[in-house]
Amino acid sequence: DARELKRALAVKMALSGNINHEIS
């Protein structure tokens, strides 16, 4: 579902070095 997808994408982006503000 969309919530789980956004959560997984946020973790992937954080692991890749994106900052929280960019991810949001």
PDB file of all heavy atoms in Angstrom:
ATOM      1  N   ASP A   1       0.838  -1.207   0.000  1.00  0.00           N
ATOM      2  CA  ASP A   1       0.000   0.000   0.000  1.00  0.00           C
ATOM      3  C   ASP A   1       0.873   1.258   0.000  1.00  0.00           C
ATOM      4  O   ASP A   1       2.075   1.203   0.237  1.00  0.00           O
ATOM      5  CB  ASP A   1      -1.015  -0.008   1.141  1.00  0.00           C
ATOM      6  CG  ASP A   1      -0.448   0.253   2.519  1.00  0.00           C
ATOM      7  OD1 ASP A   1       0.423   1.126   2.655  1.00  0.00           O
ATOM      8  OD2 ASP A   1      -0.900  -0.405   3.471  1.00  0.00           O
ATOM      9  N   ALA A   2       0.265   2.381  -0.269  1.00  0.00           N
ATOM     10  CA  ALA A   2       0.986   3.642  -0.469  1.00  0.00           C
ATOM     11  C   ALA A   2       1.793   4.060   0.759  1.00  0.00           C
ATOM     12  O   ALA A   2       2.909   4.551   0.627  1.00  0.00           O
ATOM     13  CB  ALA A   2       0.009   4.749  -0.854  1.00  0.00           C
ATOM     14  N   ARG A   3       1.259   3.855   1.959  1.00  0.00           N
ATOM     15  CA  ARG A   3       1.994   4.252   3.167  1.00  0.00           C
ATOM     16  C   ARG A   3       3.281   3.448   3.321  1.00  0.00           C
ATOM     17  O   ARG A   3       4.332   3.996   3.641  1.00  0.00           O
ATOM     18  CB  ARG A   3       1.136   4.077   4.412  1.00  0.00           C
ATOM     19  CG  ARG A   3      -0.013   5.078   4.497  1.00  0.00           C
ATOM     20  CD  ARG A   3      -0.854   4.783   5.694  1.00  0.00           C
ATOM     21  NE  ARG A   3      -1.421   3.432   5.505  1.00  0.00           N
ATOM     22  CZ  ARG A   3      -2.155   2.798   6.384  1.00  0.00           C
ATOM     23  NH1 ARG A   3      -2.420   3.359   7.539  1.00  0.00           N
ATOM     24  NH2 ARG A   3      -2.633   1.599   6.145  1.00  0.00           N
ATOM     25  N   GLU A   4       3.183   2.142   3.070  1.00  0.00           N
ATOM     26  CA  GLU A   4       4.373   1.300   3.176  1.00  0.00           C
ATOM     27  C   GLU A   4       5.383   1.652   2.087  1.00  0.00           C
ATOM     28  O   GLU A   4       6.590   1.637   2.323  1.00  0.00           O
ATOM     29  CB  GLU A   4       3.996  -0.175   3.089  1.00  0.00           C
ATOM     30  CG  GLU A   4       3.234  -0.661   4.310  1.00  0.00           C
ATOM     31  CD  GLU A   4       2.757  -2.084   4.163  1.00  0.00           C
ATOM     32  OE1 GLU A   4       2.672  -2.579   3.025  1.00  0.00           O
ATOM     33  OE2 GLU A   4       2.472  -2.708   5.192  1.00  0.00           O
ATOM     34  N   LEU A   5       4.890   1.975   0.905  1.00  0.00           N
ATOM     35  CA  LEU A   5       5.775   2.360  -0.193  1.00  0.00           C
ATOM     36  C   LEU A   5       6.525   3.642   0.157  1.00  0.00           C
ATOM     37  O   LEU A   5       7.745   3.717   0.005  1.00  0.00           O
ATOM     38  CB  LEU A   5       4.986   2.543  -1.484  1.00  0.00           C
ATOM     39  CG  LEU A   5       5.777   3.049  -2.687  1.00  0.00           C
ATOM     40  CD1 LEU A   5       6.902   2.093  -3.040  1.00  0.00           C
ATOM     41  CD2 LEU A   5       4.856   3.246  -3.884  1.00  0.00           C
ATOM     42  N   LYS A   6       5.811   4.650   0.647  1.00  0.00           N
ATOM     43  CA  LYS A   6       6.464   5.909   1.024  1.00  0.00           C
ATOM     44  C   LYS A   6       7.479   5.686   2.128  1.00  0.00           C
ATOM     45  O   LYS A   6       8.568   6.261   2.121  1.00  0.00           O
ATOM     46  CB  LYS A   6       5.432   6.952   1.458  1.00  0.00           C
ATOM     47  CG  LYS A   6       4.687   7.563   0.297  1.00  0.00           C
ATOM     48  CD  LYS A   6       3.767   8.664   0.763  1.00  0.00           C
ATOM     49  CE  LYS A   6       3.063   9.297  -0.412  1.00  0.00           C
ATOM     50  NZ  LYS A   6       2.246  10.440  -0.016  1.00  0.00           N
ATOM     51  N   ARG A   7       7.143   4.839   3.076  1.00  0.00           N
ATOM     52  CA  ARG A   7       8.060   4.551   4.175  1.00  0.00           C
ATOM     53  C   ARG A   7       9.334   3.888   3.646  1.00  0.00           C
ATOM     54  O   ARG A   7      10.449   4.258   4.017  1.00  0.00           O
ATOM     55  CB  ARG A   7       7.364   3.642   5.189  1.00  0.00           C
ATOM     56  CG  ARG A   7       8.011   3.577   6.533  1.00  0.00           C
ATOM     57  CD  ARG A   7       7.132   2.854   7.542  1.00  0.00           C
ATOM     58  NE  ARG A   7       5.906   3.583   7.785  1.00  0.00           N
ATOM     59  CZ  ARG A   7       4.696   3.040   7.784  1.00  0.00           C
ATOM     60  NH1 ARG A   7       4.523   1.769   7.548  1.00  0.00           N
ATOM     61  NH2 ARG A   7       3.637   3.774   8.022  1.00  0.00           N
ATOM     62  N   ALA A   8       9.184   2.902   2.758  1.00  0.00           N
ATOM     63  CA  ALA A   8      10.338   2.209   2.181  1.00  0.00           C
ATOM     64  C   ALA A   8      11.183   3.163   1.333  1.00  0.00           C
ATOM     65  O   ALA A   8      12.417   3.133   1.387  1.00  0.00           O
ATOM     66  CB  ALA A   8       9.877   1.016   1.350  1.00  0.00           C
ATOM     67  N   LEU A   9      10.524   4.002   0.551  1.00  0.00           N
ATOM     68  CA  LEU A   9      11.260   4.973  -0.262  1.00  0.00           C
ATOM     69  C   LEU A   9      12.015   5.961   0.612  1.00  0.00           C
ATOM     70  O   LEU A   9      13.154   6.325   0.306  1.00  0.00           O
ATOM     71  CB  LEU A   9      10.307   5.723  -1.194  1.00  0.00           C
ATOM     72  CG  LEU A   9       9.758   4.920  -2.375  1.00  0.00           C
ATOM     73  CD1 LEU A   9       8.644   5.691  -3.076  1.00  0.00           C
ATOM     74  CD2 LEU A   9      10.869   4.578  -3.350  1.00  0.00           C
ATOM     75  N   ALA A  10      11.411   6.382   1.714  1.00  0.00           N
ATOM     76  CA  ALA A  10      12.079   7.316   2.626  1.00  0.00           C
ATOM     77  C   ALA A  10      13.333   6.687   3.217  1.00  0.00           C
ATOM     78  O   ALA A  10      14.384   7.334   3.290  1.00  0.00           O
ATOM     79  CB  ALA A  10      11.116   7.746   3.739  1.00  0.00           C
ATOM     80  N   VAL A  11      13.242   5.432   3.613  1.00  0.00           N
ATOM     81  CA  VAL A  11      14.416   4.750   4.170  1.00  0.00           C
ATOM     82  C   VAL A  11      15.489   4.600   3.105  1.00  0.00           C
ATOM     83  O   VAL A  11      16.668   4.857   3.354  1.00  0.00           O
ATOM     84  CB  VAL A  11      14.029   3.371   4.754  1.00  0.00           C
ATOM     85  CG1 VAL A  11      15.266   2.579   5.148  1.00  0.00           C
ATOM     86  CG2 VAL A  11      13.096   3.533   5.945  1.00  0.00           C
ATOM     87  N   LYS A  12      15.083   4.225   1.894  1.00  0.00           N
ATOM     88  CA  LYS A  12      16.057   4.066   0.804  1.00  0.00           C
ATOM     89  C   LYS A  12      16.758   5.395   0.521  1.00  0.00           C
ATOM     90  O   LYS A  12      17.984   5.440   0.357  1.00  0.00           O
ATOM     91  CB  LYS A  12      15.364   3.555  -0.454  1.00  0.00           C
ATOM     92  CG  LYS A  12      16.316   3.348  -1.606  1.00  0.00           C
ATOM     93  CD  LYS A  12      15.606   2.863  -2.849  1.00  0.00           C
ATOM     94  CE  LYS A  12      16.592   2.794  -4.004  1.00  0.00           C
ATOM     95  NZ  LYS A  12      15.924   2.598  -5.267  1.00  0.00           N
ATOM     96  N   MET A  13      16.002   6.480   0.473  1.00  0.00           N
ATOM     97  CA  MET A  13      16.604   7.783   0.206  1.00  0.00           C
ATOM     98  C   MET A  13      17.545   8.198   1.347  1.00  0.00           C
ATOM     99  O   MET A  13      18.608   8.760   1.100  1.00  0.00           O
ATOM    100  CB  MET A  13      15.521   8.847  -0.011  1.00  0.00           C
ATOM    101  CG  MET A  13      14.850   8.726  -1.368  1.00  0.00           C
ATOM    102  SD  MET A  13      13.737  10.108  -1.692  1.00  0.00           S
ATOM    103  CE  MET A  13      12.208   9.421  -1.093  1.00  0.00           C
ATOM    104  N   ALA A  14      17.157   7.906   2.583  1.00  0.00           N
ATOM    105  CA  ALA A  14      18.021   8.235   3.723  1.00  0.00           C
ATOM    106  C   ALA A  14      19.322   7.442   3.646  1.00  0.00           C
ATOM    107  O   ALA A  14      20.399   7.985   3.883  1.00  0.00           O
ATOM    108  CB  ALA A  14      17.291   7.962   5.037  1.00  0.00           C
ATOM    109  N   LEU A  15      19.233   6.165   3.300  1.00  0.00           N
ATOM    110  CA  LEU A  15      20.438   5.349   3.152  1.00  0.00           C
ATOM    111  C   LEU A  15      21.327   5.868   2.029  1.00  0.00           C
ATOM    112  O   LEU A  15      22.538   5.728   2.070  1.00  0.00           O
ATOM    113  CB  LEU A  15      20.074   3.892   2.877  1.00  0.00           C
ATOM    114  CG  LEU A  15      19.535   3.093   4.053  1.00  0.00           C
ATOM    115  CD1 LEU A  15      19.011   1.747   3.582  1.00  0.00           C
ATOM    116  CD2 LEU A  15      20.620   2.894   5.105  1.00  0.00           C
ATOM    117  N   SER A  16      20.706   6.463   1.022  1.00  0.00           N
ATOM    118  CA  SER A  16      21.457   6.994  -0.112  1.00  0.00           C
ATOM    119  C   SER A  16      22.035   8.380   0.158  1.00  0.00           C
ATOM    120  O   SER A  16      22.725   8.937  -0.680  1.00  0.00           O
ATOM    121  CB  SER A  16      20.563   7.043  -1.352  1.00  0.00           C
ATOM    122  OG  SER A  16      20.158   5.738  -1.706  1.00  0.00           O
ATOM    123  N   GLY A  17      21.708   8.952   1.327  1.00  0.00           N
ATOM    124  CA  GLY A  17      22.309  10.225   1.711  1.00  0.00           C
ATOM    125  C   GLY A  17      21.409  11.445   1.638  1.00  0.00           C
ATOM    126  O   GLY A  17      21.846  12.549   1.927  1.00  0.00           O
ATOM    127  N   ASN A  18      20.159  11.271   1.235  1.00  0.00           N
ATOM    128  CA  ASN A  18      19.247  12.415   1.222  1.00  0.00           C
ATOM    129  C   ASN A  18      18.951  12.858   2.652  1.00  0.00           C
ATOM    130  O   ASN A  18      18.884  12.032   3.553  1.00  0.00           O
ATOM    131  CB  ASN A  18      17.921  12.056   0.536  1.00  0.00           C
ATOM    132  CG  ASN A  18      18.082  11.769  -0.923  1.00  0.00           C
ATOM    133  OD1 ASN A  18      18.449  10.660  -1.295  1.00  0.00           O
ATOM    134  ND2 ASN A  18      17.819  12.744  -1.759  1.00  0.00           N
ATOM    135  N   ILE A  19      18.746  14.161   2.833  1.00  0.00           N
ATOM    136  CA  ILE A  19      18.395  14.659   4.158  1.00  0.00           C
ATOM    137  C   ILE A  19      16.874  14.648   4.317  1.00  0.00           C
ATOM    138  O   ILE A  19      16.130  14.609   3.333  1.00  0.00           O
ATOM    139  CB  ILE A  19      18.974  16.069   4.407  1.00  0.00           C
ATOM    140  CG1 ILE A  19      18.452  17.075   3.379  1.00  0.00           C
ATOM    141  CG2 ILE A  19      20.488  16.035   4.430  1.00  0.00           C
ATOM    142  CD1 ILE A  19      18.856  18.509   3.682  1.00  0.00           C
ATOM    143  N   ASN A  20      16.426  14.674   5.569  1.00  0.00           N
ATOM    144  CA  ASN A  20      14.992  14.553   5.861  1.00  0.00           C
ATOM    145  C   ASN A  20      14.145  15.576   5.124  1.00  0.00           C
ATOM    146  O   ASN A  20      13.060  15.254   4.635  1.00  0.00           O
ATOM    147  CB  ASN A  20      14.756  14.664   7.364  1.00  0.00           C
ATOM    148  CG  ASN A  20      15.299  13.481   8.117  1.00  0.00           C
ATOM    149  OD1 ASN A  20      15.631  12.456   7.534  1.00  0.00           O
ATOM    150  ND2 ASN A  20      15.396  13.615   9.417  1.00  0.00           N
ATOM    151  N   HIS A  21      14.619  16.805   5.048  1.00  0.00           N
ATOM    152  CA  HIS A  21      13.844  17.850   4.380  1.00  0.00           C
ATOM    153  C   HIS A  21      13.635  17.511   2.895  1.00  0.00           C
ATOM    154  O   HIS A  21      12.530  17.668   2.369  1.00  0.00           O
ATOM    155  CB  HIS A  21      14.537  19.204   4.538  1.00  0.00           C
ATOM    156  CG  HIS A  21      13.796  20.336   3.917  1.00  0.00           C
ATOM    157  ND1 HIS A  21      12.631  20.834   4.460  1.00  0.00           N
ATOM    158  CD2 HIS A  21      14.022  21.041   2.791  1.00  0.00           C
ATOM    159  CE1 HIS A  21      12.188  21.816   3.688  1.00  0.00           C
ATOM    160  NE2 HIS A  21      13.018  21.965   2.676  1.00  0.00           N
ATOM    161  N   GLU A  22      14.683  17.044   2.240  1.00  0.00           N
ATOM    162  CA  GLU A  22      14.565  16.652   0.827  1.00  0.00           C
ATOM    163  C   GLU A  22      13.583  15.500   0.665  1.00  0.00           C
ATOM    164  O   GLU A  22      12.741  15.518  -0.232  1.00  0.00           O
ATOM    165  CB  GLU A  22      15.926  16.198   0.276  1.00  0.00           C
ATOM    166  CG  GLU A  22      16.957  17.268   0.157  1.00  0.00           C
ATOM    167  CD  GLU A  22      18.318  16.711  -0.221  1.00  0.00           C
ATOM    168  OE1 GLU A  22      18.633  15.543   0.105  1.00  0.00           O
ATOM    169  OE2 GLU A  22      19.074  17.463  -0.845  1.00  0.00           O
ATOM    170  N   ILE A  23      13.704  14.504   1.525  1.00  0.00           N
ATOM    171  CA  ILE A  23      12.830  13.329   1.452  1.00  0.00           C
ATOM    172  C   ILE A  23      11.372  13.733   1.619  1.00  0.00           C
ATOM    173  O   ILE A  23      10.507  13.298   0.858  1.00  0.00           O
ATOM    174  CB  ILE A  23      13.235  12.288   2.514  1.00  0.00           C
ATOM    175  CG1 ILE A  23      14.635  11.747   2.200  1.00  0.00           C
ATOM    176  CG2 ILE A  23      12.217  11.152   2.590  1.00  0.00           C
ATOM    177  CD1 ILE A  23      15.252  10.919   3.321  1.00  0.00           C
ATOM    178  N   SER A  24      11.091  14.584   2.606  1.00  0.00           N
ATOM    179  CA  SER A  24       9.699  14.986   2.843  1.00  0.00           C
ATOM    180  C   SER A  24       9.133  15.755   1.654  1.00  0.00           C
ATOM    181  O   SER A  24       7.969  15.588   1.303  1.00  0.00           O
ATOM    182  CB  SER A  24       9.583  15.810   4.127  1.00  0.00           C
ATOM    183  OG  SER A  24      10.212  17.062   3.982  1.00  0.00           O
TER     184      SER A  24
END
